[in-house]
Amino acid sequence: MQNFDNLINGEWRAAASYSPNVNPSNLGDVLGQYAQGDAAQVDAAVAAATAAFPAWSTGGIQARSEALEKIGNEILARKEELGTLLAREEGKTKAEGIGEATRAAQIFKFFAGECLRLSGEVLPSVRPGIGIEITREPVGVVGLITPWNFPIAIPAWKIAPALAFGNCVVMKPADLVPGCAWALAEIISRSGIPAGVFNLVMGRGSVIGDALVNHPGIHAISFTGSVGVGRNIAVQCATNHKKVQLEMGGKNPQVVLDDADLNQAVELSVQSAFYSTGQRCTASSRLIVTEGIYPKFIEAMKARMAKIKVGDALAQGTDIGPVSSKSQLEQDLEYVAIGKGEGATLAAGGERLKLETDGYYMSPALFSESAASMRINKEEIFGPVASVIRVKNYEEALATANDTEFGLSAGIATTSLKHATHFKRHSQAGMVMVNLPTAGVDYHVPFGGRKGSSYGPREQGRYAQEFFTVVKTAYTLA
């Protein structure tokens, strides 16, 4: 079985130990053995990035742009291969995997253009004879820590802007899904980017992540993952004067009003709550439904869920693949038990499934008659589990939607322009969807939330420059 090494200073370097990458659809399918790096390899990667930074940060922007364009083109040309790899290691359907690989390519191609569009300002001084220039410069060496649920798109939306704006990178992917990160690193290694500019160190978060966060040679940390880990990183970065960007949890509401198109509301709720096995930080796990449409909505949801096919991520016709890991499956099933124990009605699903291949399969779970105060409506489950909360009217729906420590994404299904407009303004979320699923955003616009969901500047689009650059103000006496 092939060993996959870490990429440090342009070279593939072996680690002291390796870990198997197992297909959650078929536990007998092992994709390979992936390096488990250590603090010494983090030191080597940071040293390489530090040495490469002066030339890369001040070099020609055309070369940067061409390298990122080349990376994007190769990902696009290999999207089916990479999408299949993604489905095998993470459990998304092959179609979703190909879509995610395509998005990763588009991100690199977008930032290939951003290399050439970085702008500044020229202002007059209040003092005669003095000119002012406001410019942006790269932060330095950045540590990127990425999650398992989007194993190629999220690395892409961190790596591409980091490189576009002249930074050097040390990346640590999620230990659960190293395959896509390794494949992306291999593409980057052949793009013409100089050795040391991009480095990949795989391994445990408690080892590699901690080493990156606490390394004196790292100037900024961009992290996507759990709330608890993110809060610890924020404290450590503040202590060590590092710039920090955090994308963490969500408990996203989907409001359905009495005037909504029922079929549309059900479809977008199913898409938001259950597709990608509910393992999206933007997934809707709280369905807040006004009492007039509530009974019809529950019955329509049950009928639609009965048509969902759970199966092998690579199989034709599969709508939803397995949960990504044993521990995640156990957590999801535990929350199903918690919901029943709290008095909610399990209207559909929520069972461990035995299919042709041994995998981490469960049927999507829908709770009805749930209360906003229940744990299943307060805590992020991160699986195919959603609960319906009955409310009297729009005003109660909005208050319930905002009654959470999170604020990433929120949606409303309505035919009322008045309510849609009011919800967009008063929803306490970073992203708001009207008659659309809460999950699913474009690659060229800012991504991020409020409250406990996000901390620091936004990711993606032109707003990525807020994190990956620093502002310099220069004065010149004429």
Protein backbone atom coordinates (compact mmCIF):
# COMPACT_ATOMS: atom_id res chain seq x y z
CA MET A 1 0.00 0.00 0.00
CA GLN A 2 1.32 3.43 -0.99
CA ASN A 3 2.69 5.82 1.61
CA PHE A 4 1.88 9.50 1.08
CA ASP A 5 4.52 11.86 2.51
CA ASN A 6 4.53 15.47 3.64
CA LEU A 7 5.63 18.25 1.29
CA ILE A 8 8.34 20.45 2.84
CA ASN A 9 10.52 22.89 0.90
CA GLY A 10 9.55 21.33 -2.41
CA GLU A 11 10.44 17.78 -1.31
CA TRP A 12 8.32 14.82 -0.26
CA ARG A 13 9.52 13.87 3.20
CA ALA A 14 8.74 10.67 5.07
CA ALA A 15 7.26 10.73 8.57
CA ALA A 16 7.96 8.51 11.55
CA SER A 17 4.50 6.95 11.27
CA TYR A 18 1.56 6.67 8.89
CA SER A 19 -2.21 6.34 9.29
CA PRO A 20 -4.70 4.56 7.00
CA ASN A 21 -7.25 6.61 5.06
CA VAL A 22 -10.43 4.51 5.19
CA ASN A 23 -13.50 4.81 2.96
CA PRO A 24 -16.58 5.44 5.19
CA SER A 25 -18.80 3.81 2.53
CA ASN A 26 -16.75 0.62 2.61
CA LEU A 27 -14.53 0.07 5.63
CA GLY A 28 -12.55 -2.56 3.74
CA ASP A 29 -11.38 0.04 1.20
CA VAL A 30 -8.18 1.78 2.34
CA LEU A 31 -7.01 4.61 0.09
CA GLY A 32 -3.44 4.61 1.37
CA GLN A 33 -1.22 5.33 4.34
CA TYR A 34 -0.78 9.05 5.02
CA ALA A 35 2.04 10.72 6.93
CA GLN A 36 1.68 11.56 10.61
CA GLY A 37 4.05 14.48 10.96
CA ASP A 38 5.55 15.91 14.13
CA ALA A 39 6.70 19.24 15.55
CA ALA A 40 10.12 18.85 13.93
CA GLN A 41 8.50 18.71 10.50
CA VAL A 42 6.46 21.80 11.33
CA ASP A 43 9.73 23.55 12.25
CA ALA A 44 11.23 22.52 8.91
CA ALA A 45 8.17 23.69 6.97
CA VAL A 46 8.09 27.06 8.74
CA ALA A 47 11.82 27.51 8.12
CA ALA A 48 11.31 26.78 4.42
CA ALA A 49 8.39 29.19 4.19
CA THR A 50 10.34 31.89 6.03
CA ALA A 51 13.26 31.54 3.63
CA ALA A 52 10.98 31.67 0.58
CA PHE A 53 8.95 34.65 1.75
CA PRO A 54 11.20 37.60 0.74
CA ALA A 55 11.38 36.62 -2.93
CA TRP A 56 7.79 35.41 -3.21
CA SER A 57 6.24 38.41 -1.46
CA THR A 58 8.04 40.97 -3.63
CA GLY A 59 8.19 38.98 -6.87
CA GLY A 60 6.24 39.54 -10.06
CA ILE A 61 2.48 39.26 -9.82
CA GLN A 62 2.26 37.79 -13.33
CA ALA A 63 4.14 34.68 -12.24
CA ARG A 64 1.85 34.30 -9.23
CA SER A 65 -1.22 34.66 -11.42
CA GLU A 66 0.00 32.11 -13.95
CA ALA A 67 0.81 29.57 -11.24
CA LEU A 68 -2.65 29.85 -9.69
CA GLU A 69 -4.28 29.65 -13.10
CA LYS A 70 -2.29 26.49 -13.85
CA ILE A 71 -3.41 24.93 -10.56
CA GLY A 72 -7.04 25.74 -11.29
CA ASN A 73 -6.83 24.36 -14.82
CA GLU A 74 -5.36 21.04 -13.66
CA ILE A 75 -7.99 20.61 -10.94
CA LEU A 76 -10.68 21.30 -13.53
CA ALA A 77 -9.18 18.82 -15.98
CA ARG A 78 -9.05 16.16 -13.24
CA LYS A 79 -12.36 17.01 -11.53
CA GLU A 80 -13.86 13.54 -12.00
CA GLU A 81 -10.78 11.81 -10.61
CA LEU A 82 -10.53 14.22 -7.68
CA GLY A 83 -14.27 14.08 -7.06
CA THR A 84 -14.10 10.30 -6.89
CA LEU A 85 -11.22 10.49 -4.44
CA LEU A 86 -13.23 12.94 -2.32
CA ALA A 87 -16.26 10.64 -2.31
CA ARG A 88 -14.12 7.68 -1.27
CA GLU A 89 -12.45 9.39 1.66
CA GLU A 90 -15.18 11.73 2.97
CA GLY A 91 -18.43 10.02 1.98
CA LYS A 92 -20.08 12.67 -0.20
CA THR A 93 -21.73 11.38 -3.34
CA LYS A 94 -19.53 11.32 -6.41
CA ALA A 95 -21.62 14.08 -8.00
CA GLU A 96 -21.09 16.32 -4.97
CA GLY A 97 -17.38 15.45 -4.96
CA ILE A 98 -17.02 16.48 -8.59
CA GLY A 99 -18.91 19.68 -7.84
CA GLU A 100 -16.59 20.45 -4.94
CA ALA A 101 -13.48 19.80 -7.05
CA THR A 102 -14.89 22.13 -9.70
CA ARG A 103 -15.41 24.80 -7.08
CA ALA A 104 -11.82 24.42 -5.89
CA ALA A 105 -10.64 24.99 -9.46
CA GLN A 106 -12.82 28.08 -9.81
CA ILE A 107 -11.41 29.49 -6.56
CA PHE A 108 -7.83 29.21 -7.80
CA LYS A 109 -8.76 30.76 -11.13
CA PHE A 110 -10.57 33.64 -9.39
CA PHE A 111 -7.53 34.41 -7.25
CA ALA A 112 -5.28 34.18 -10.27
CA GLY A 113 -7.12 37.33 -11.32
CA GLU A 114 -6.98 38.86 -7.85
CA CYS A 115 -3.16 38.81 -8.10
CA LEU A 116 -3.55 41.47 -10.76
CA ARG A 117 -6.34 43.43 -9.08
CA LEU A 118 -4.82 44.29 -5.70
CA SER A 119 -5.43 47.98 -5.27
CA GLY A 120 -4.50 50.81 -2.94
CA GLU A 121 -5.21 54.48 -2.49
CA VAL A 122 -3.44 57.74 -3.12
CA LEU A 123 -4.69 60.54 -0.86
CA PRO A 124 -3.66 64.12 -0.26
CA SER A 125 -2.31 65.00 3.14
CA VAL A 126 -3.81 67.75 5.23
CA ARG A 127 -0.28 69.15 5.17
CA PRO A 128 0.71 70.86 1.91
CA GLY A 129 3.42 69.23 -0.18
CA ILE A 130 2.99 65.74 1.25
CA GLY A 131 1.55 62.72 -0.57
CA ILE A 132 0.05 59.60 1.01
CA GLU A 133 -0.04 56.08 -0.41
CA ILE A 134 -2.09 53.32 1.22
CA THR A 135 -1.04 49.86 0.07
CA ARG A 136 -1.50 46.24 1.07
CA GLU A 137 1.33 43.81 1.77
CA PRO A 138 1.32 40.09 2.61
CA VAL A 139 1.09 39.07 6.26
CA GLY A 140 4.01 36.63 6.14
CA VAL A 141 3.99 32.90 6.86
CA VAL A 142 0.44 31.66 7.47
CA GLY A 143 -0.74 28.43 9.02
CA LEU A 144 -3.87 26.94 7.48
CA ILE A 145 -5.87 24.34 9.44
CA THR A 146 -8.71 22.82 7.43
CA PRO A 147 -11.70 20.57 8.29
CA TRP A 148 -12.86 17.20 7.02
CA ASN A 149 -16.25 18.11 5.57
CA PHE A 150 -14.97 20.00 2.49
CA PRO A 151 -11.56 18.38 1.94
CA ILE A 152 -10.65 20.20 -1.27
CA ALA A 153 -12.83 23.35 -1.44
CA ILE A 154 -11.92 24.77 1.97
CA PRO A 155 -8.18 24.17 1.52
CA ALA A 156 -8.53 25.90 -1.87
CA TRP A 157 -10.29 28.95 -0.46
CA LYS A 158 -7.53 29.39 2.10
CA ILE A 159 -4.48 28.49 -0.02
CA ALA A 160 -5.41 30.46 -3.14
CA PRO A 161 -5.77 33.92 -1.52
CA ALA A 162 -2.80 33.30 0.76
CA LEU A 163 -0.57 32.70 -2.26
CA ALA A 164 -2.23 35.33 -4.45
CA PHE A 165 -1.41 38.08 -1.97
CA GLY A 166 2.20 36.99 -1.54
CA ASN A 167 2.15 34.91 1.63
CA CYS A 168 3.89 31.60 2.23
CA VAL A 169 1.89 28.68 3.58
CA VAL A 170 2.12 25.75 5.95
CA MET A 171 -1.08 23.72 5.71
CA LYS A 172 -2.45 21.06 8.04
CA PRO A 173 -5.49 19.21 6.65
CA ALA A 174 -7.95 17.27 8.77
CA ASP A 175 -6.45 13.94 9.79
CA LEU A 176 -9.62 12.17 8.68
CA VAL A 177 -9.36 13.25 5.02
CA PRO A 178 -5.73 13.76 3.95
CA GLY A 179 -6.14 12.38 0.42
CA CYS A 180 -7.60 15.43 -1.31
CA ALA A 181 -5.13 17.73 0.47
CA TRP A 182 -2.21 15.57 -0.67
CA ALA A 183 -3.51 15.53 -4.25
CA LEU A 184 -3.88 19.32 -4.17
CA ALA A 185 -0.37 19.71 -2.74
CA GLU A 186 1.01 17.51 -5.53
CA ILE A 187 -0.65 19.74 -8.13
CA ILE A 188 0.71 22.87 -6.44
CA SER A 189 4.21 21.35 -6.34
CA ARG A 190 4.23 21.23 -10.16
CA SER A 191 2.71 24.67 -10.77
CA GLY A 192 5.93 26.68 -10.89
CA ILE A 193 5.56 28.05 -7.37
CA PRO A 194 9.05 28.09 -5.78
CA ALA A 195 10.06 25.54 -3.16
CA GLY A 196 9.06 26.52 0.36
CA VAL A 197 6.21 28.83 -0.64
CA PHE A 198 3.67 26.06 -0.02
CA ASN A 199 4.18 23.25 2.49
CA LEU A 200 1.91 20.39 3.58
CA VAL A 201 2.29 18.76 7.00
CA MET A 202 -0.30 16.07 7.73
CA GLY A 203 -0.96 14.63 11.15
CA ARG A 204 -2.95 14.95 14.34
CA GLY A 205 -4.40 18.31 15.28
CA SER A 206 -3.10 17.98 18.81
CA VAL A 207 0.42 17.69 17.36
CA ILE A 208 0.59 19.62 14.08
CA GLY A 209 -2.15 22.14 14.83
CA ASP A 210 -0.71 23.04 18.22
CA ALA A 211 2.78 23.33 16.77
CA LEU A 212 1.55 25.73 14.08
CA VAL A 213 -0.51 27.89 16.42
CA ASN A 214 2.35 28.27 18.89
CA HIS A 215 5.22 28.57 16.41
CA PRO A 216 6.99 31.96 16.60
CA GLY A 217 7.59 31.88 12.83
CA ILE A 218 3.88 31.76 12.00
CA HIS A 219 2.31 35.21 11.61
CA ALA A 220 -1.33 34.25 11.08
CA ILE A 221 -3.65 31.27 11.53
CA SER A 222 -6.75 30.54 9.48
CA PHE A 223 -8.83 27.76 11.04
CA THR A 224 -12.08 26.03 10.15
CA GLY A 225 -13.39 23.49 12.63
CA SER A 226 -15.09 23.01 15.96
CA VAL A 227 -16.07 25.80 18.33
CA GLY A 228 -14.00 24.49 21.25
CA VAL A 229 -10.79 24.19 19.24
CA GLY A 230 -11.40 27.55 17.58
CA ARG A 231 -11.79 29.35 20.89
CA ASN A 232 -8.55 27.85 22.18
CA ILE A 233 -6.77 28.93 19.01
CA ALA A 234 -8.10 32.48 19.42
CA VAL A 235 -6.68 32.68 22.94
CA GLN A 236 -3.31 31.29 21.87
CA CYS A 237 -3.07 33.62 18.87
CA ALA A 238 -3.95 36.64 20.98
CA THR A 239 -1.27 35.67 23.49
CA ASN A 240 1.32 35.29 20.73
CA HIS A 241 0.19 38.36 18.71
CA LYS A 242 -0.83 36.36 15.66
CA LYS A 243 -3.54 37.39 13.26
CA VAL A 244 -6.42 34.89 13.44
CA GLN A 245 -9.40 33.92 11.30
CA LEU A 246 -11.91 31.36 12.62
CA GLU A 247 -14.85 29.63 10.98
CA MET A 248 -16.60 27.41 13.52
CA GLY A 249 -20.06 26.06 14.22
CA GLY A 250 -23.60 26.74 13.15
CA LYS A 251 -27.14 25.96 14.26
CA ASN A 252 -28.76 27.43 11.22
CA PRO A 253 -32.49 28.21 11.09
CA GLN A 254 -34.76 27.67 8.12
CA VAL A 255 -37.99 29.62 8.59
CA VAL A 256 -41.11 28.46 6.71
CA LEU A 257 -44.06 30.85 6.75
CA ASP A 258 -47.72 30.03 6.09
CA ASP A 259 -47.57 31.77 2.71
CA ALA A 260 -44.59 29.72 1.46
CA ASP A 261 -44.76 27.49 -1.59
CA LEU A 262 -44.97 24.13 0.22
CA ASN A 263 -43.13 22.05 -2.36
CA GLN A 264 -40.35 24.63 -2.62
CA ALA A 265 -40.07 24.90 1.17
CA VAL A 266 -39.84 21.13 1.60
CA GLU A 267 -37.24 20.71 -1.13
CA LEU A 268 -34.95 23.46 0.14
CA SER A 269 -35.33 22.14 3.71
CA VAL A 270 -34.39 18.61 2.66
CA GLN A 271 -31.43 19.91 0.67
CA SER A 272 -30.23 22.09 3.53
CA ALA A 273 -30.73 19.61 6.35
CA PHE A 274 -29.75 16.26 4.87
CA TYR A 275 -27.68 16.46 1.71
CA SER A 276 -23.93 16.05 2.16
CA THR A 277 -25.21 13.89 5.05
CA GLY A 278 -25.95 17.09 6.95
CA GLN A 279 -22.21 17.60 7.42
CA ARG A 280 -22.07 21.24 6.35
CA CYS A 281 -21.57 24.15 8.71
CA THR A 282 -24.30 25.94 6.76
CA ALA A 283 -26.81 23.06 7.04
CA SER A 284 -30.27 23.83 8.46
CA SER A 285 -30.88 21.74 11.55
CA ARG A 286 -33.66 23.97 12.94
CA LEU A 287 -36.80 24.14 10.77
CA ILE A 288 -38.98 26.91 12.22
CA VAL A 289 -42.49 26.60 10.82
CA THR A 290 -45.56 28.74 11.43
CA GLU A 291 -48.63 26.89 12.72
CA GLY A 292 -50.84 27.32 9.65
CA ILE A 293 -48.56 25.32 7.36
CA TYR A 294 -47.03 23.11 10.07
CA PRO A 295 -49.13 19.92 9.66
CA LYS A 296 -48.81 19.92 5.87
CA PHE A 297 -45.08 20.63 6.12
CA ILE A 298 -44.44 17.66 8.43
CA GLU A 299 -46.33 15.24 6.19
CA ALA A 300 -44.68 16.58 3.04
CA MET A 301 -41.24 16.32 4.63
CA LYS A 302 -41.85 12.69 5.61
CA ALA A 303 -43.02 11.87 2.08
CA ARG A 304 -39.98 13.57 0.54
CA MET A 305 -37.57 11.91 2.96
CA ALA A 306 -38.98 8.49 2.07
CA LYS A 307 -37.59 9.03 -1.44
CA ILE A 308 -34.03 9.75 -0.27
CA LYS A 309 -31.65 6.93 -1.15
CA VAL A 310 -28.83 6.40 1.35
CA GLY A 311 -25.96 4.37 -0.05
CA ASP A 312 -22.36 4.02 -1.17
CA ALA A 313 -21.04 7.45 -2.15
CA LEU A 314 -19.78 6.07 -5.48
CA ALA A 315 -22.96 4.18 -6.39
CA GLN A 316 -25.26 5.46 -9.12
CA GLY A 317 -28.47 6.91 -7.71
CA THR A 318 -27.20 7.55 -4.18
CA ASP A 319 -28.59 10.79 -2.75
CA ILE A 320 -26.80 10.70 0.60
CA GLY A 321 -23.62 8.85 1.47
CA PRO A 322 -22.43 7.65 4.87
CA VAL A 323 -21.52 9.68 7.90
CA SER A 324 -17.79 10.44 7.67
CA SER A 325 -16.51 8.46 10.66
CA LYS A 326 -17.46 6.08 13.43
CA SER A 327 -17.22 8.78 16.10
CA GLN A 328 -19.43 11.14 14.08
CA LEU A 329 -22.01 8.40 13.54
CA GLU A 330 -22.06 7.63 17.25
CA GLN A 331 -22.56 11.32 18.02
CA ASP A 332 -25.43 11.62 15.54
CA LEU A 333 -27.21 8.56 16.95
CA GLU A 334 -26.66 9.85 20.47
CA TYR A 335 -28.43 13.10 19.57
CA VAL A 336 -31.34 11.10 18.15
CA ALA A 337 -31.63 9.42 21.55
CA ILE A 338 -31.31 12.79 23.31
CA GLY A 339 -34.12 14.26 21.20
CA LYS A 340 -36.45 11.38 22.03
CA GLY A 341 -35.49 11.65 25.68
CA GLU A 342 -36.30 15.38 25.66
CA GLY A 343 -39.82 14.64 24.44
CA ALA A 344 -39.56 15.46 20.75
CA THR A 345 -41.33 13.11 18.32
CA LEU A 346 -39.07 11.21 15.93
CA ALA A 347 -41.21 11.63 12.81
CA ALA A 348 -38.85 9.83 10.43
CA GLY A 349 -35.49 8.07 10.21
CA GLY A 350 -32.69 8.25 12.74
CA GLU A 351 -31.61 4.61 12.44
CA ARG A 352 -28.27 2.90 11.80
CA LEU A 353 -28.49 1.22 8.40
CA LYS A 354 -26.93 -2.06 7.27
CA LEU A 355 -26.22 -1.99 3.55
CA GLU A 356 -24.28 -4.14 1.08
CA THR A 357 -20.97 -2.65 2.15
CA ASP A 358 -19.90 -2.12 5.75
CA GLY A 359 -20.06 1.63 6.27
CA TYR A 360 -21.22 4.40 8.60
CA TYR A 361 -24.77 4.67 7.28
CA MET A 362 -27.80 6.18 8.96
CA SER A 363 -31.22 7.29 7.75
CA PRO A 364 -31.86 11.06 7.95
CA ALA A 365 -33.75 11.94 11.12
CA LEU A 366 -36.60 14.42 11.46
CA PHE A 367 -38.03 15.47 14.82
CA SER A 368 -41.43 17.13 15.12
CA GLU A 369 -43.01 18.75 18.18
CA SER A 370 -39.64 19.96 19.37
CA ALA A 371 -39.05 22.99 21.58
CA ALA A 372 -36.48 25.70 21.00
CA SER A 373 -35.02 25.03 24.44
CA MET A 374 -34.12 21.41 23.68
CA ARG A 375 -30.49 20.38 23.25
CA ILE A 376 -31.21 19.18 19.72
CA ASN A 377 -32.12 22.79 18.92
CA LYS A 378 -29.25 24.38 20.81
CA GLU A 379 -26.18 22.24 20.05
CA GLU A 380 -24.56 21.62 16.69
CA ILE A 381 -25.09 17.98 15.72
CA PHE A 382 -23.29 18.07 12.35
CA GLY A 383 -25.16 15.17 10.83
CA PRO A 384 -28.43 14.33 9.04
CA VAL A 385 -30.61 15.30 11.99
CA ALA A 386 -33.16 18.14 11.85
CA SER A 387 -35.98 19.23 14.13
CA VAL A 388 -39.13 21.22 13.46
CA ILE A 389 -40.18 24.00 15.84
CA ARG A 390 -43.78 25.21 15.64
CA VAL A 391 -44.30 29.00 16.03
CA LYS A 392 -47.34 31.27 15.83
CA ASN A 393 -46.24 33.90 13.35
CA TYR A 394 -43.37 35.64 11.58
CA GLU A 395 -42.37 37.66 14.64
CA GLU A 396 -41.97 34.52 16.77
CA ALA A 397 -40.18 32.78 13.91
CA LEU A 398 -37.60 35.58 13.68
CA ALA A 399 -37.05 35.63 17.44
CA THR A 400 -36.62 31.85 17.50
CA ALA A 401 -34.24 31.95 14.54
CA ASN A 402 -32.03 34.47 16.34
CA ASP A 403 -32.18 32.62 19.67
CA THR A 404 -28.84 30.86 19.27
CA GLU A 405 -25.18 31.43 20.10
CA PHE A 406 -24.38 30.90 16.42
CA GLY A 407 -24.95 33.12 13.41
CA LEU A 408 -23.60 31.62 10.21
CA SER A 409 -26.48 31.09 7.77
CA ALA A 410 -30.25 31.56 7.92
CA GLY A 411 -33.07 31.02 5.48
CA ILE A 412 -36.70 31.96 4.98
CA ALA A 413 -39.33 30.43 2.71
CA THR A 414 -42.05 32.95 1.93
CA THR A 415 -43.88 34.68 -0.90
CA SER A 416 -44.08 37.91 1.12
CA LEU A 417 -41.68 40.60 -0.02
CA LYS A 418 -42.32 42.39 3.25
CA HIS A 419 -41.23 39.47 5.40
CA ALA A 420 -38.33 38.53 3.14
CA THR A 421 -36.98 42.09 3.26
CA HIS A 422 -37.41 42.32 7.03
CA PHE A 423 -35.75 38.94 7.59
CA LYS A 424 -32.71 39.84 5.48
CA ARG A 425 -32.13 42.91 7.64
CA HIS A 426 -32.97 41.48 11.07
CA SER A 427 -31.60 37.94 10.86
CA GLN A 428 -28.50 37.73 13.06
CA ALA A 429 -26.54 35.68 10.55
CA GLY A 430 -23.65 36.41 8.23
CA MET A 431 -25.46 34.89 5.24
CA VAL A 432 -29.21 34.96 4.54
CA MET A 433 -31.10 32.95 1.92
CA VAL A 434 -34.61 33.72 0.65
CA ASN A 435 -36.38 30.71 -0.91
CA LEU A 436 -33.03 28.96 -1.26
CA PRO A 437 -31.22 26.30 0.80
CA THR A 438 -29.04 27.70 3.58
CA ALA A 439 -26.19 25.51 2.33
CA GLY A 440 -24.57 26.53 -0.94
CA VAL A 441 -22.67 29.74 -1.57
CA ASP A 442 -20.73 31.18 -4.51
CA TYR A 443 -16.93 31.18 -4.58
CA HIS A 444 -16.49 34.87 -5.43
CA VAL A 445 -18.40 36.40 -2.49
CA PRO A 446 -17.57 36.65 1.23
CA PHE A 447 -18.25 33.67 3.49
CA GLY A 448 -18.66 33.93 7.25
CA GLY A 449 -20.98 34.46 10.16
CA ARG A 450 -21.60 36.29 13.40
CA LYS A 451 -21.61 35.50 17.11
CA GLY A 452 -20.07 32.09 17.87
CA SER A 453 -19.83 31.01 14.23
CA SER A 454 -16.98 33.19 13.02
CA TYR A 455 -14.20 35.40 14.30
CA GLY A 456 -12.01 37.68 12.25
CA PRO A 457 -12.22 38.79 8.62
CA ARG A 458 -14.38 37.00 6.05
CA GLU A 459 -13.15 34.27 3.74
CA GLN A 460 -13.49 34.08 -0.07
CA GLY A 461 -13.89 36.72 -2.74
CA ARG A 462 -12.27 40.13 -2.57
CA TYR A 463 -12.88 40.20 1.17
CA ALA A 464 -10.15 37.58 1.63
CA GLN A 465 -7.58 40.37 1.35
CA GLU A 466 -8.65 41.65 4.78
CA PHE A 467 -7.04 38.64 6.42
CA PHE A 468 -4.19 37.78 4.07
CA THR A 469 -2.79 41.31 3.81
CA VAL A 470 -1.80 44.13 6.11
CA VAL A 471 -2.30 47.81 5.36
CA LYS A 472 0.67 50.17 5.07
CA THR A 473 0.42 53.95 5.00
CA ALA A 474 3.41 55.74 3.44
CA TYR A 475 4.10 59.51 3.40
CA THR A 476 6.29 61.28 0.86
CA LEU A 477 7.50 64.89 1.00
CA ALA A 478 7.38 66.29 -2.49
